[in-house]
Amino acid sequence: MAKDKRKLKETLTPLQFHITQEKGTEPPFDNAYYQNDKAGIYVDVVSKKVVFTTNEQYDAGCGWPSFTKPVQPLKEVFDTSFGMRRTEVRTPDDQAHLGHVFDDGPKASGGLRYCINSAALKFIAVDDLKKEGYEAYISLFKGEDDA
């Protein structure tokens, strides 16, 4: 195992490591952010870079957090695992597996559904953005009840 992977294994939970480094998938309807109703951002647990906001999150009924678009472009990789044909999404910098993107999302928002594993993400509520060093994202939530 590479040195970086060893370090990640020490800093991530076993589930986070499995999902982000081994292309794992957590159980649907039984994960931290599937029904999150607080405003804020989601950062990749490996790089700590912002990948999604709750402004684009919606309930797709699939059992995982779903978003209409990412904050930054994500790397897309054709995936034929488990006999399926789908597009895997990874972070551009650290190549952490986040989930998959499908073309069955809300048409009014571009038609995409980013179906993401909660364990690949860390949620930071609007009230905590400044404290956590993400104050640049506060303006995205002006007018929100808790901003």
C-alpha atoms as a PDB file:
ATOM      1  CA  MET A   1       0.000   0.000   0.000  1.00  0.00           C
ATOM      2  CA  ALA A   2       1.361   3.418  -0.945  1.00  0.00           C
ATOM      3  CA  LYS A   3       2.400   5.809   1.822  1.00  0.00           C
ATOM      4  CA  ASP A   4      -0.482   8.193   1.035  1.00  0.00           C
ATOM      5  CA  LYS A   5      -2.988   5.344   1.226  1.00  0.00           C
ATOM      6  CA  ARG A   6      -1.564   4.279   4.600  1.00  0.00           C
ATOM      7  CA  LYS A   7      -1.951   7.807   5.905  1.00  0.00           C
ATOM      8  CA  LEU A   8      -5.531   7.969   4.594  1.00  0.00           C
ATOM      9  CA  LYS A   9      -6.327   4.658   6.257  1.00  0.00           C
ATOM     10  CA  GLU A  10      -5.242   6.224   9.562  1.00  0.00           C
ATOM     11  CA  THR A  11      -7.291   9.416   9.123  1.00  0.00           C
ATOM     12  CA  LEU A  12     -10.496   8.095   7.540  1.00  0.00           C
ATOM     13  CA  THR A  13     -13.025   5.726   9.037  1.00  0.00           C
ATOM     14  CA  PRO A  14     -13.043   2.241   7.494  1.00  0.00           C
ATOM     15  CA  LEU A  15     -16.261   3.115   5.612  1.00  0.00           C
ATOM     16  CA  GLN A  16     -14.839   6.413   4.316  1.00  0.00           C
ATOM     17  CA  PHE A  17     -11.692   4.633   3.125  1.00  0.00           C
ATOM     18  CA  HIS A  18     -13.665   1.841   1.476  1.00  0.00           C
ATOM     19  CA  ILE A  19     -15.902   4.269  -0.400  1.00  0.00           C
ATOM     20  CA  THR A  20     -13.348   6.883  -1.453  1.00  0.00           C
ATOM     21  CA  GLN A  21     -10.398   4.587  -2.178  1.00  0.00           C
ATOM     22  CA  GLU A  22     -11.984   1.255  -3.098  1.00  0.00           C
ATOM     23  CA  LYS A  23     -15.097   2.504  -4.963  1.00  0.00           C
ATOM     24  CA  GLY A  24     -17.423   1.246  -2.262  1.00  0.00           C
ATOM     25  CA  THR A  25     -21.085   2.079  -1.810  1.00  0.00           C
ATOM     26  CA  GLU A  26     -22.915   2.614   1.455  1.00  0.00           C
ATOM     27  CA  PRO A  27     -26.422   1.276   2.068  1.00  0.00           C
ATOM     28  CA  PRO A  28     -29.278   3.348   0.621  1.00  0.00           C
ATOM     29  CA  PHE A  29     -31.630   5.096   3.044  1.00  0.00           C
ATOM     30  CA  ASP A  30     -29.133   4.438   5.884  1.00  0.00           C
ATOM     31  CA  ASN A  31     -26.486   7.135   5.584  1.00  0.00           C
ATOM     32  CA  ALA A  32     -25.743  10.464   7.206  1.00  0.00           C
ATOM     33  CA  TYR A  33     -26.902  12.993   4.611  1.00  0.00           C
ATOM     34  CA  TYR A  34     -29.702  11.323   2.667  1.00  0.00           C
ATOM     35  CA  GLN A  35     -32.341  13.478   4.356  1.00  0.00           C
ATOM     36  CA  ASN A  36     -30.252  16.444   5.461  1.00  0.00           C
ATOM     37  CA  ASP A  37     -32.495  19.507   5.767  1.00  0.00           C
ATOM     38  CA  LYS A  38     -29.906  22.030   6.995  1.00  0.00           C
ATOM     39  CA  ALA A  39     -28.285  24.593   4.683  1.00  0.00           C
ATOM     40  CA  GLY A  40     -24.564  24.317   4.069  1.00  0.00           C
ATOM     41  CA  ILE A  41     -21.780  22.816   2.012  1.00  0.00           C
ATOM     42  CA  TYR A  42     -20.368  19.355   1.509  1.00  0.00           C
ATOM     43  CA  VAL A  43     -16.620  18.839   1.307  1.00  0.00           C
ATOM     44  CA  ASP A  44     -14.756  15.781   0.105  1.00  0.00           C
ATOM     45  CA  VAL A  45     -13.462  13.931   3.216  1.00  0.00           C
ATOM     46  CA  VAL A  46     -10.049  13.419   1.610  1.00  0.00           C
ATOM     47  CA  SER A  47      -9.107  16.844   0.207  1.00  0.00           C
ATOM     48  CA  LYS A  48     -11.559  18.969   2.235  1.00  0.00           C
ATOM     49  CA  LYS A  49     -12.471  20.832  -0.967  1.00  0.00           C
ATOM     50  CA  VAL A  50     -16.073  21.906  -1.499  1.00  0.00           C
ATOM     51  CA  VAL A  51     -17.894  19.616  -3.927  1.00  0.00           C
ATOM     52  CA  PHE A  52     -21.632  20.313  -3.368  1.00  0.00           C
ATOM     53  CA  THR A  53     -23.983  22.713  -1.587  1.00  0.00           C
ATOM     54  CA  THR A  54     -27.447  22.132  -0.232  1.00  0.00           C
ATOM     55  CA  ASN A  55     -28.699  24.675  -2.785  1.00  0.00           C
ATOM     56  CA  GLU A  56     -28.457  21.879  -5.375  1.00  0.00           C
ATOM     57  CA  GLN A  57     -29.492  18.995  -3.100  1.00  0.00           C
ATOM     58  CA  TYR A  58     -32.876  17.334  -3.585  1.00  0.00           C
ATOM     59  CA  ASP A  59     -34.657  14.132  -2.623  1.00  0.00           C
ATOM     60  CA  ALA A  60     -34.419  11.830  -5.633  1.00  0.00           C
ATOM     61  CA  GLY A  61     -35.885   8.925  -3.681  1.00  0.00           C
ATOM     62  CA  CYS A  62     -32.801   6.786  -4.370  1.00  0.00           C
ATOM     63  CA  GLY A  63     -31.572   6.566  -0.776  1.00  0.00           C
ATOM     64  CA  TRP A  64     -28.413   8.648  -1.158  1.00  0.00           C
ATOM     65  CA  PRO A  65     -27.850  12.407  -1.144  1.00  0.00           C
ATOM     66  CA  SER A  66     -28.596  13.708  -4.637  1.00  0.00           C
ATOM     67  CA  PHE A  67     -27.516  16.946  -6.266  1.00  0.00           C
ATOM     68  CA  THR A  68     -28.219  18.634  -9.599  1.00  0.00           C
ATOM     69  CA  LYS A  69     -24.640  19.919 -10.032  1.00  0.00           C
ATOM     70  CA  PRO A  70     -21.274  20.087  -8.262  1.00  0.00           C
ATOM     71  CA  VAL A  71     -19.536  23.279  -7.120  1.00  0.00           C
ATOM     72  CA  GLN A  72     -16.480  22.396  -9.202  1.00  0.00           C
ATOM     73  CA  PRO A  73     -16.126  20.053 -12.175  1.00  0.00           C
ATOM     74  CA  LEU A  74     -15.675  16.442 -11.127  1.00  0.00           C
ATOM     75  CA  LYS A  75     -13.775  13.751 -12.996  1.00  0.00           C
ATOM     76  CA  GLU A  76     -16.115  11.357 -14.805  1.00  0.00           C
ATOM     77  CA  VAL A  77     -15.123   7.749 -15.460  1.00  0.00           C
ATOM     78  CA  PHE A  78     -17.165   5.188 -17.401  1.00  0.00           C
ATOM     79  CA  ASP A  79     -18.051   2.363 -14.990  1.00  0.00           C
ATOM     80  CA  THR A  80     -19.233  -1.122 -15.966  1.00  0.00           C
ATOM     81  CA  SER A  81     -18.984  -2.710 -12.514  1.00  0.00           C
ATOM     82  CA  PHE A  82     -21.799  -4.985 -11.352  1.00  0.00           C
ATOM     83  CA  GLY A  83     -22.944  -5.407 -14.964  1.00  0.00           C
ATOM     84  CA  MET A  84     -24.148  -1.791 -15.157  1.00  0.00           C
ATOM     85  CA  ARG A  85     -23.268   1.030 -17.539  1.00  0.00           C
ATOM     86  CA  ARG A  86     -22.920   4.253 -15.572  1.00  0.00           C
ATOM     87  CA  THR A  87     -20.646   7.214 -14.963  1.00  0.00           C
ATOM     88  CA  GLU A  88     -18.577   7.306 -11.795  1.00  0.00           C
ATOM     89  CA  VAL A  89     -17.695  10.716 -10.335  1.00  0.00           C
ATOM     90  CA  ARG A  90     -14.408  11.368  -8.598  1.00  0.00           C
ATOM     91  CA  THR A  91     -12.787  14.452  -7.161  1.00  0.00           C
ATOM     92  CA  PRO A  92     -10.414  16.089  -9.654  1.00  0.00           C
ATOM     93  CA  ASP A  93      -7.446  16.430  -7.270  1.00  0.00           C
ATOM     94  CA  ASP A  94      -7.256  13.333  -5.124  1.00  0.00           C
ATOM     95  CA  GLN A  95      -9.313  11.018  -7.310  1.00  0.00           C
ATOM     96  CA  ALA A  96     -11.551   9.993  -4.426  1.00  0.00           C
ATOM     97  CA  HIS A  97     -14.642   8.067  -5.455  1.00  0.00           C
ATOM     98  CA  LEU A  98     -17.791  10.032  -4.555  1.00  0.00           C
ATOM     99  CA  GLY A  99     -20.598   8.191  -6.341  1.00  0.00           C
ATOM    100  CA  HIS A 100     -22.220   8.319  -9.787  1.00  0.00           C
ATOM    101  CA  VAL A 101     -23.998  10.776 -12.066  1.00  0.00           C
ATOM    102  CA  PHE A 102     -27.138   9.856 -14.000  1.00  0.00           C
ATOM    103  CA  ASP A 103     -29.219  11.683 -16.595  1.00  0.00           C
ATOM    104  CA  ASP A 104     -32.545  11.211 -14.792  1.00  0.00           C
ATOM    105  CA  GLY A 105     -32.392  14.349 -12.632  1.00  0.00           C
ATOM    106  CA  PRO A 106     -34.749  17.334 -12.657  1.00  0.00           C
ATOM    107  CA  LYS A 107     -35.000  18.619 -16.247  1.00  0.00           C
ATOM    108  CA  ALA A 108     -35.425  22.224 -15.068  1.00  0.00           C
ATOM    109  CA  SER A 109     -31.998  22.012 -13.386  1.00  0.00           C
ATOM    110  CA  GLY A 110     -30.133  20.431 -16.289  1.00  0.00           C
ATOM    111  CA  GLY A 111     -31.334  16.829 -16.013  1.00  0.00           C
ATOM    112  CA  LEU A 112     -28.447  15.420 -13.998  1.00  0.00           C
ATOM    113  CA  ARG A 113     -28.578  13.519 -10.698  1.00  0.00           C
ATOM    114  CA  TYR A 114     -25.333  13.251  -8.790  1.00  0.00           C
ATOM    115  CA  CYS A 115     -25.935  10.298  -6.481  1.00  0.00           C
ATOM    116  CA  ILE A 116     -23.262  10.580  -3.797  1.00  0.00           C
ATOM    117  CA  ASN A 117     -22.157   8.469  -0.835  1.00  0.00           C
ATOM    118  CA  SER A 118     -22.540  10.351   2.454  1.00  0.00           C
ATOM    119  CA  ALA A 119     -19.333   8.766   3.773  1.00  0.00           C
ATOM    120  CA  ALA A 120     -17.355  10.508   1.002  1.00  0.00           C
ATOM    121  CA  LEU A 121     -18.571  13.865   2.323  1.00  0.00           C
ATOM    122  CA  LYS A 122     -18.370  16.075   5.389  1.00  0.00           C
ATOM    123  CA  PHE A 123     -21.264  18.487   5.885  1.00  0.00           C
ATOM    124  CA  ILE A 124     -20.585  21.997   7.175  1.00  0.00           C
ATOM    125  CA  ALA A 125     -23.655  24.014   8.171  1.00  0.00           C
ATOM    126  CA  VAL A 126     -23.954  27.671   7.142  1.00  0.00           C
ATOM    127  CA  ASP A 127     -23.505  28.780  10.762  1.00  0.00           C
ATOM    128  CA  ASP A 128     -20.132  26.988  10.885  1.00  0.00           C
ATOM    129  CA  LEU A 129     -18.680  28.075   7.531  1.00  0.00           C
ATOM    130  CA  LYS A 130     -16.544  30.897   8.933  1.00  0.00           C
ATOM    131  CA  LYS A 131     -15.317  28.841  11.903  1.00  0.00           C
ATOM    132  CA  GLU A 132     -14.333  25.965   9.573  1.00  0.00           C
ATOM    133  CA  GLY A 133     -12.506  28.249   7.096  1.00  0.00           C
ATOM    134  CA  TYR A 134     -15.113  28.264   4.337  1.00  0.00           C
ATOM    135  CA  GLU A 135     -16.357  31.853   4.736  1.00  0.00           C
ATOM    136  CA  ALA A 136     -16.067  32.417   0.969  1.00  0.00           C
ATOM    137  CA  TYR A 137     -19.190  30.254   0.586  1.00  0.00           C
ATOM    138  CA  ILE A 138     -21.428  32.231   2.981  1.00  0.00           C
ATOM    139  CA  SER A 139     -22.654  34.449   0.132  1.00  0.00           C
ATOM    140  CA  LEU A 140     -24.250  31.405  -1.522  1.00  0.00           C
ATOM    141  CA  PHE A 141     -26.732  31.283   1.338  1.00  0.00           C
ATOM    142  CA  LYS A 142     -27.718  34.918   1.780  1.00  0.00           C
ATOM    143  CA  GLY A 143     -31.421  35.000   2.489  1.00  0.00           C
ATOM    144  CA  GLU A 144     -31.414  31.519   4.071  1.00  0.00           C
ATOM    145  CA  ASP A 145     -33.091  31.407   7.464  1.00  0.00           C
ATOM    146  CA  ASP A 146     -29.946  30.258   9.213  1.00  0.00           C
ATOM    147  CA  ALA A 147     -27.405  32.431   7.348  1.00  0.00           C
END
